[in-house]
Amino acid sequence: MIEFDTSTYSKQQIELTESLLHSISDHLSGKGECRRQTYFVMIGRDFIHLKPRAKLLPHSSRRKSDIVDTLQHIIIEHFYDGVYAGLVDGFIVKIKPNCLVDGVYEYALSTSGKYRRWRKV
């Protein structure tokens, strides 16, 4: 995983950021059409944004009309208490200020092309 500056960020911020990035990669790696793409997660002081936008069916028992934005699903379903503060426009999720390590993170194929990993850009 990514090495964070422990003198600048709290242990809770680092763990929550790592957990969020891991959850995003778990959701993206399960979809065939998402496997070969490079994704960027932009975390600001009070927002988070996933680019390019990805959609998913949140529960296997639901209909295709229930397809939702991947980032919204992850934040609302898995990180609601610790992070979520509201929706801005569907592309950006508003988060509680300073709860994550801000920056731009890239989820891309390794140089060998055999696996993907997160790195801070």
N, C-alpha and C. Protein backbone atom coordinates (compact mmCIF):
# COMPACT_ATOMS: atom_id res chain seq x y z
N MET A 1 0.85 -1.18 0.00
CA MET A 1 0.00 0.00 0.00
C MET A 1 0.89 1.24 0.00
N ILE A 2 0.28 2.37 0.02
CA ILE A 2 0.96 3.65 -0.04
C ILE A 2 1.58 3.98 1.31
N GLU A 3 2.75 4.61 1.29
CA GLU A 3 3.36 5.06 2.53
C GLU A 3 2.94 6.51 2.77
N PHE A 4 2.35 6.76 3.93
CA PHE A 4 1.87 8.08 4.29
C PHE A 4 2.80 8.74 5.30
N ASP A 5 2.80 10.05 5.32
CA ASP A 5 3.59 10.83 6.26
C ASP A 5 2.90 10.81 7.63
N THR A 6 3.46 10.03 8.55
CA THR A 6 2.83 9.88 9.87
C THR A 6 3.01 11.11 10.75
N SER A 7 3.90 12.02 10.37
CA SER A 7 4.06 13.24 11.17
C SER A 7 3.00 14.28 10.82
N THR A 8 2.40 14.17 9.64
CA THR A 8 1.39 15.12 9.18
C THR A 8 -0.03 14.64 9.43
N TYR A 9 -0.26 13.33 9.30
CA TYR A 9 -1.60 12.77 9.39
C TYR A 9 -1.72 11.82 10.57
N SER A 10 -2.91 11.76 11.14
CA SER A 10 -3.15 10.87 12.28
C SER A 10 -3.26 9.43 11.80
N LYS A 11 -3.10 8.51 12.73
CA LYS A 11 -3.22 7.09 12.42
C LYS A 11 -4.63 6.78 11.91
N GLN A 12 -5.64 7.42 12.49
CA GLN A 12 -7.02 7.21 12.07
C GLN A 12 -7.24 7.68 10.63
N GLN A 13 -6.68 8.85 10.26
CA GLN A 13 -6.81 9.34 8.88
C GLN A 13 -6.16 8.37 7.90
N ILE A 14 -4.99 7.88 8.25
CA ILE A 14 -4.26 6.97 7.36
C ILE A 14 -5.02 5.65 7.20
N GLU A 15 -5.49 5.08 8.31
CA GLU A 15 -6.21 3.81 8.25
C GLU A 15 -7.51 3.94 7.47
N LEU A 16 -8.22 5.04 7.67
CA LEU A 16 -9.48 5.26 6.96
C LEU A 16 -9.23 5.43 5.46
N THR A 17 -8.18 6.15 5.09
CA THR A 17 -7.84 6.34 3.68
C THR A 17 -7.45 5.01 3.04
N GLU A 18 -6.61 4.23 3.72
CA GLU A 18 -6.22 2.92 3.19
C GLU A 18 -7.43 2.01 3.02
N SER A 19 -8.31 2.02 4.00
CA SER A 19 -9.51 1.20 3.94
C SER A 19 -10.42 1.62 2.78
N LEU A 20 -10.57 2.92 2.59
CA LEU A 20 -11.39 3.44 1.50
C LEU A 20 -10.81 3.04 0.15
N LEU A 21 -9.51 3.23 -0.06
CA LEU A 21 -8.87 2.87 -1.32
C LEU A 21 -8.99 1.37 -1.58
N HIS A 22 -8.83 0.57 -0.54
CA HIS A 22 -8.96 -0.89 -0.68
C HIS A 22 -10.40 -1.26 -1.07
N SER A 23 -11.37 -0.61 -0.47
CA SER A 23 -12.77 -0.88 -0.80
C SER A 23 -13.08 -0.50 -2.25
N ILE A 24 -12.55 0.62 -2.69
CA ILE A 24 -12.75 1.05 -4.09
C ILE A 24 -12.14 0.02 -5.03
N SER A 25 -10.91 -0.41 -4.75
CA SER A 25 -10.27 -1.38 -5.64
C SER A 25 -11.00 -2.72 -5.63
N ASP A 26 -11.53 -3.13 -4.49
CA ASP A 26 -12.32 -4.37 -4.43
C ASP A 26 -13.55 -4.28 -5.33
N HIS A 27 -14.24 -3.16 -5.28
CA HIS A 27 -15.45 -2.99 -6.10
C HIS A 27 -15.10 -2.91 -7.59
N LEU A 28 -14.00 -2.25 -7.93
CA LEU A 28 -13.63 -2.10 -9.34
C LEU A 28 -13.07 -3.39 -9.92
N SER A 29 -12.33 -4.14 -9.14
CA SER A 29 -11.71 -5.36 -9.68
C SER A 29 -12.72 -6.46 -9.94
N GLY A 30 -13.89 -6.36 -9.34
CA GLY A 30 -14.93 -7.36 -9.56
C GLY A 30 -15.70 -7.16 -10.84
N LYS A 31 -15.48 -6.06 -11.53
CA LYS A 31 -16.20 -5.77 -12.77
C LYS A 31 -15.26 -5.93 -13.96
N GLY A 32 -15.63 -6.76 -14.91
CA GLY A 32 -14.79 -7.02 -16.08
C GLY A 32 -14.43 -5.78 -16.86
N GLU A 33 -15.40 -4.88 -17.08
CA GLU A 33 -15.14 -3.68 -17.88
C GLU A 33 -14.27 -2.66 -17.16
N CYS A 34 -14.02 -2.86 -15.87
CA CYS A 34 -13.20 -1.92 -15.09
C CYS A 34 -11.77 -2.40 -14.91
N ARG A 35 -11.47 -3.61 -15.31
CA ARG A 35 -10.18 -4.22 -14.97
C ARG A 35 -8.98 -3.61 -15.66
N ARG A 36 -9.09 -3.18 -16.86
CA ARG A 36 -7.93 -2.67 -17.61
C ARG A 36 -7.81 -1.15 -17.57
N GLN A 37 -8.68 -0.48 -16.84
CA GLN A 37 -8.66 0.98 -16.79
C GLN A 37 -7.82 1.49 -15.63
N THR A 38 -7.32 2.70 -15.80
CA THR A 38 -6.63 3.40 -14.73
C THR A 38 -7.64 4.34 -14.09
N TYR A 39 -7.71 4.32 -12.76
CA TYR A 39 -8.65 5.16 -12.03
C TYR A 39 -7.88 6.14 -11.15
N PHE A 40 -8.47 7.31 -10.96
CA PHE A 40 -7.90 8.32 -10.08
C PHE A 40 -8.93 8.67 -9.01
N VAL A 41 -8.48 8.73 -7.78
CA VAL A 41 -9.31 9.18 -6.66
C VAL A 41 -8.69 10.48 -6.17
N MET A 42 -9.47 11.54 -6.20
CA MET A 42 -9.02 12.84 -5.70
C MET A 42 -9.69 13.11 -4.36
N ILE A 43 -8.88 13.24 -3.33
CA ILE A 43 -9.40 13.52 -2.00
C ILE A 43 -8.94 14.91 -1.60
N GLY A 44 -9.92 15.76 -1.32
CA GLY A 44 -9.63 17.12 -0.84
C GLY A 44 -9.96 17.21 0.64
N ARG A 45 -9.91 18.40 1.16
CA ARG A 45 -10.19 18.60 2.58
C ARG A 45 -11.59 18.15 2.94
N ASP A 46 -12.57 18.39 2.03
CA ASP A 46 -13.95 18.03 2.34
C ASP A 46 -14.71 17.40 1.17
N PHE A 47 -13.98 16.77 0.25
CA PHE A 47 -14.65 16.09 -0.88
C PHE A 47 -13.79 14.92 -1.35
N ILE A 48 -14.44 14.04 -2.10
CA ILE A 48 -13.75 12.93 -2.76
C ILE A 48 -14.39 12.72 -4.13
N HIS A 49 -13.56 12.39 -5.12
CA HIS A 49 -14.01 12.27 -6.50
C HIS A 49 -13.29 11.09 -7.15
N LEU A 50 -14.03 10.25 -7.88
CA LEU A 50 -13.47 9.11 -8.62
C LEU A 50 -13.56 9.41 -10.10
N LYS A 51 -12.45 9.24 -10.81
CA LYS A 51 -12.43 9.51 -12.24
C LYS A 51 -11.70 8.37 -12.95
N PRO A 52 -12.17 7.80 -14.03
CA PRO A 52 -13.48 8.04 -14.63
C PRO A 52 -14.59 7.44 -13.75
N ARG A 53 -15.75 7.93 -13.97
CA ARG A 53 -16.91 7.51 -13.20
C ARG A 53 -17.23 6.04 -13.51
N ALA A 54 -17.56 5.30 -12.48
CA ALA A 54 -17.92 3.88 -12.64
C ALA A 54 -19.25 3.63 -11.95
N LYS A 55 -20.03 2.74 -12.51
CA LYS A 55 -21.34 2.40 -11.94
C LYS A 55 -21.36 0.93 -11.57
N LEU A 56 -22.24 0.58 -10.62
CA LEU A 56 -22.37 -0.81 -10.22
C LEU A 56 -23.78 -1.11 -9.76
N LEU A 57 -24.09 -2.38 -9.72
CA LEU A 57 -25.35 -2.88 -9.18
C LEU A 57 -25.06 -3.22 -7.72
N PRO A 58 -25.59 -2.45 -6.76
CA PRO A 58 -25.18 -2.61 -5.36
C PRO A 58 -25.49 -3.96 -4.73
N HIS A 59 -26.57 -4.60 -5.14
CA HIS A 59 -26.95 -5.90 -4.57
C HIS A 59 -27.40 -6.80 -5.72
N SER A 60 -27.00 -8.05 -5.68
CA SER A 60 -27.31 -8.96 -6.78
C SER A 60 -28.81 -9.20 -6.94
N SER A 61 -29.57 -8.95 -5.91
CA SER A 61 -31.02 -9.20 -6.00
C SER A 61 -31.79 -8.04 -6.61
N ARG A 62 -31.12 -6.95 -6.87
CA ARG A 62 -31.81 -5.76 -7.42
C ARG A 62 -31.83 -5.79 -8.94
N ARG A 63 -32.70 -4.95 -9.51
CA ARG A 63 -32.81 -4.86 -10.96
C ARG A 63 -31.77 -3.90 -11.52
N LYS A 64 -31.56 -3.97 -12.82
CA LYS A 64 -30.59 -3.10 -13.47
C LYS A 64 -30.95 -1.62 -13.34
N SER A 65 -32.20 -1.31 -13.08
CA SER A 65 -32.60 0.08 -12.92
C SER A 65 -32.06 0.68 -11.62
N ASP A 66 -31.53 -0.17 -10.75
CA ASP A 66 -31.00 0.29 -9.47
C ASP A 66 -29.49 0.55 -9.52
N ILE A 67 -28.91 0.65 -10.70
CA ILE A 67 -27.47 0.88 -10.84
C ILE A 67 -27.13 2.24 -10.23
N VAL A 68 -26.05 2.26 -9.42
CA VAL A 68 -25.64 3.48 -8.73
C VAL A 68 -24.17 3.78 -9.01
N ASP A 69 -23.77 4.99 -8.67
CA ASP A 69 -22.39 5.41 -8.80
C ASP A 69 -21.54 4.64 -7.77
N THR A 70 -20.41 4.10 -8.20
CA THR A 70 -19.55 3.29 -7.34
C THR A 70 -19.09 4.03 -6.11
N LEU A 71 -18.59 5.25 -6.29
CA LEU A 71 -18.07 6.01 -5.15
C LEU A 71 -19.17 6.32 -4.14
N GLN A 72 -20.34 6.72 -4.62
CA GLN A 72 -21.45 6.99 -3.70
C GLN A 72 -21.81 5.74 -2.91
N HIS A 73 -21.89 4.60 -3.59
CA HIS A 73 -22.22 3.35 -2.91
C HIS A 73 -21.21 3.03 -1.82
N ILE A 74 -19.93 3.13 -2.14
CA ILE A 74 -18.88 2.78 -1.18
C ILE A 74 -18.92 3.70 0.03
N ILE A 75 -19.03 5.00 -0.20
CA ILE A 75 -19.03 5.95 0.92
C ILE A 75 -20.29 5.77 1.78
N ILE A 76 -21.44 5.68 1.15
CA ILE A 76 -22.70 5.61 1.91
C ILE A 76 -22.86 4.25 2.60
N GLU A 77 -22.55 3.16 1.90
CA GLU A 77 -22.76 1.83 2.47
C GLU A 77 -21.67 1.38 3.44
N HIS A 78 -20.43 1.79 3.20
CA HIS A 78 -19.31 1.26 3.98
C HIS A 78 -18.61 2.26 4.89
N PHE A 79 -18.76 3.55 4.62
CA PHE A 79 -18.04 4.57 5.39
C PHE A 79 -18.94 5.69 5.86
N TYR A 80 -20.23 5.43 5.98
CA TYR A 80 -21.21 6.48 6.29
C TYR A 80 -20.88 7.22 7.59
N ASP A 81 -20.62 6.49 8.66
CA ASP A 81 -20.39 7.13 9.96
C ASP A 81 -19.09 7.92 10.02
N GLY A 82 -18.03 7.43 9.41
CA GLY A 82 -16.74 8.07 9.55
C GLY A 82 -16.42 9.15 8.55
N VAL A 83 -17.09 9.14 7.39
CA VAL A 83 -16.66 10.00 6.29
C VAL A 83 -17.79 10.85 5.69
N TYR A 84 -18.92 10.26 5.45
CA TYR A 84 -19.98 10.86 4.63
C TYR A 84 -20.55 12.16 5.20
N ALA A 85 -20.69 13.16 4.34
CA ALA A 85 -21.30 14.43 4.75
C ALA A 85 -22.38 14.89 3.77
N GLY A 86 -22.48 14.28 2.58
CA GLY A 86 -23.51 14.65 1.62
C GLY A 86 -23.04 14.48 0.18
N LEU A 87 -23.98 14.61 -0.74
CA LEU A 87 -23.68 14.52 -2.16
C LEU A 87 -23.63 15.93 -2.75
N VAL A 88 -22.72 16.13 -3.66
CA VAL A 88 -22.65 17.43 -4.32
C VAL A 88 -23.37 17.37 -5.65
N ASP A 89 -22.93 16.48 -6.55
CA ASP A 89 -23.57 16.41 -7.86
C ASP A 89 -23.55 15.02 -8.49
N GLY A 90 -23.25 14.02 -7.74
CA GLY A 90 -23.17 12.68 -8.31
C GLY A 90 -21.74 12.29 -8.65
N PHE A 91 -20.92 13.24 -9.05
CA PHE A 91 -19.52 12.95 -9.34
C PHE A 91 -18.66 13.16 -8.09
N ILE A 92 -19.07 14.06 -7.23
CA ILE A 92 -18.30 14.42 -6.05
C ILE A 92 -19.12 14.09 -4.81
N VAL A 93 -18.47 13.46 -3.85
CA VAL A 93 -19.12 13.15 -2.57
C VAL A 93 -18.50 14.06 -1.52
N LYS A 94 -19.35 14.75 -0.80
CA LYS A 94 -18.89 15.64 0.26
C LYS A 94 -18.57 14.79 1.49
N ILE A 95 -17.40 15.04 2.09
CA ILE A 95 -16.99 14.27 3.26
C ILE A 95 -16.72 15.21 4.44
N LYS A 96 -16.63 14.62 5.62
CA LYS A 96 -16.31 15.41 6.81
C LYS A 96 -14.90 15.97 6.64
N PRO A 97 -14.68 17.24 6.98
CA PRO A 97 -13.36 17.86 6.78
C PRO A 97 -12.24 17.12 7.51
N ASN A 98 -11.14 16.98 6.81
CA ASN A 98 -9.89 16.43 7.36
C ASN A 98 -10.01 15.03 7.96
N CYS A 99 -10.89 14.20 7.41
CA CYS A 99 -11.02 12.83 7.93
C CYS A 99 -10.17 11.85 7.12
N LEU A 100 -9.72 12.24 5.94
CA LEU A 100 -8.89 11.39 5.09
C LEU A 100 -7.59 12.10 4.75
N VAL A 101 -6.63 11.35 4.23
CA VAL A 101 -5.36 11.93 3.78
C VAL A 101 -5.61 12.47 2.37
N ASP A 102 -5.52 13.80 2.23
CA ASP A 102 -5.81 14.40 0.94
C ASP A 102 -4.70 14.12 -0.07
N GLY A 103 -5.09 14.16 -1.35
CA GLY A 103 -4.15 13.91 -2.43
C GLY A 103 -4.85 13.25 -3.61
N VAL A 104 -4.06 12.95 -4.62
CA VAL A 104 -4.56 12.26 -5.81
C VAL A 104 -3.92 10.88 -5.82
N TYR A 105 -4.76 9.86 -5.92
CA TYR A 105 -4.30 8.47 -5.90
C TYR A 105 -4.66 7.80 -7.22
N GLU A 106 -3.72 7.04 -7.76
CA GLU A 106 -3.91 6.37 -9.04
C GLU A 106 -3.97 4.86 -8.81
N TYR A 107 -4.98 4.23 -9.39
CA TYR A 107 -5.13 2.78 -9.34
C TYR A 107 -4.86 2.28 -10.75
N ALA A 108 -3.65 1.76 -10.98
CA ALA A 108 -3.24 1.43 -12.34
C ALA A 108 -2.51 0.10 -12.38
N LEU A 109 -2.35 -0.43 -13.59
CA LEU A 109 -1.61 -1.66 -13.80
C LEU A 109 -0.14 -1.47 -13.43
N SER A 110 0.45 -2.51 -12.88
CA SER A 110 1.88 -2.48 -12.59
C SER A 110 2.65 -2.51 -13.91
N THR A 111 3.94 -2.32 -13.85
CA THR A 111 4.74 -2.34 -15.08
C THR A 111 4.71 -3.70 -15.76
N SER A 112 4.54 -4.77 -14.99
CA SER A 112 4.45 -6.11 -15.58
C SER A 112 3.08 -6.35 -16.21
N GLY A 113 2.08 -5.56 -15.81
CA GLY A 113 0.74 -5.71 -16.34
C GLY A 113 -0.05 -6.84 -15.73
N LYS A 114 0.46 -7.44 -14.65
CA LYS A 114 -0.20 -8.59 -14.05
C LYS A 114 -1.16 -8.21 -12.93
N TYR A 115 -0.96 -7.08 -12.32
CA TYR A 115 -1.84 -6.67 -11.22
C TYR A 115 -1.92 -5.14 -11.18
N ARG A 116 -2.88 -4.64 -10.40
CA ARG A 116 -3.01 -3.19 -10.22
C ARG A 116 -2.70 -2.84 -8.78
N ARG A 117 -2.27 -1.60 -8.60
CA ARG A 117 -2.00 -1.14 -7.24
C ARG A 117 -2.23 0.36 -7.15
N TRP A 118 -2.37 0.83 -5.91
CA TRP A 118 -2.55 2.25 -5.65
C TRP A 118 -1.19 2.92 -5.51
N ARG A 119 -1.10 4.13 -6.00
CA ARG A 119 0.07 4.97 -5.73
C ARG A 119 -0.39 6.41 -5.65
N LYS A 120 0.31 7.19 -4.85
CA LYS A 120 -0.03 8.60 -4.71
C LYS A 120 0.67 9.35 -5.82
N VAL A 121 -0.08 10.17 -6.55
CA VAL A 121 0.47 10.92 -7.68
C VAL A 121 0.99 12.25 -7.22
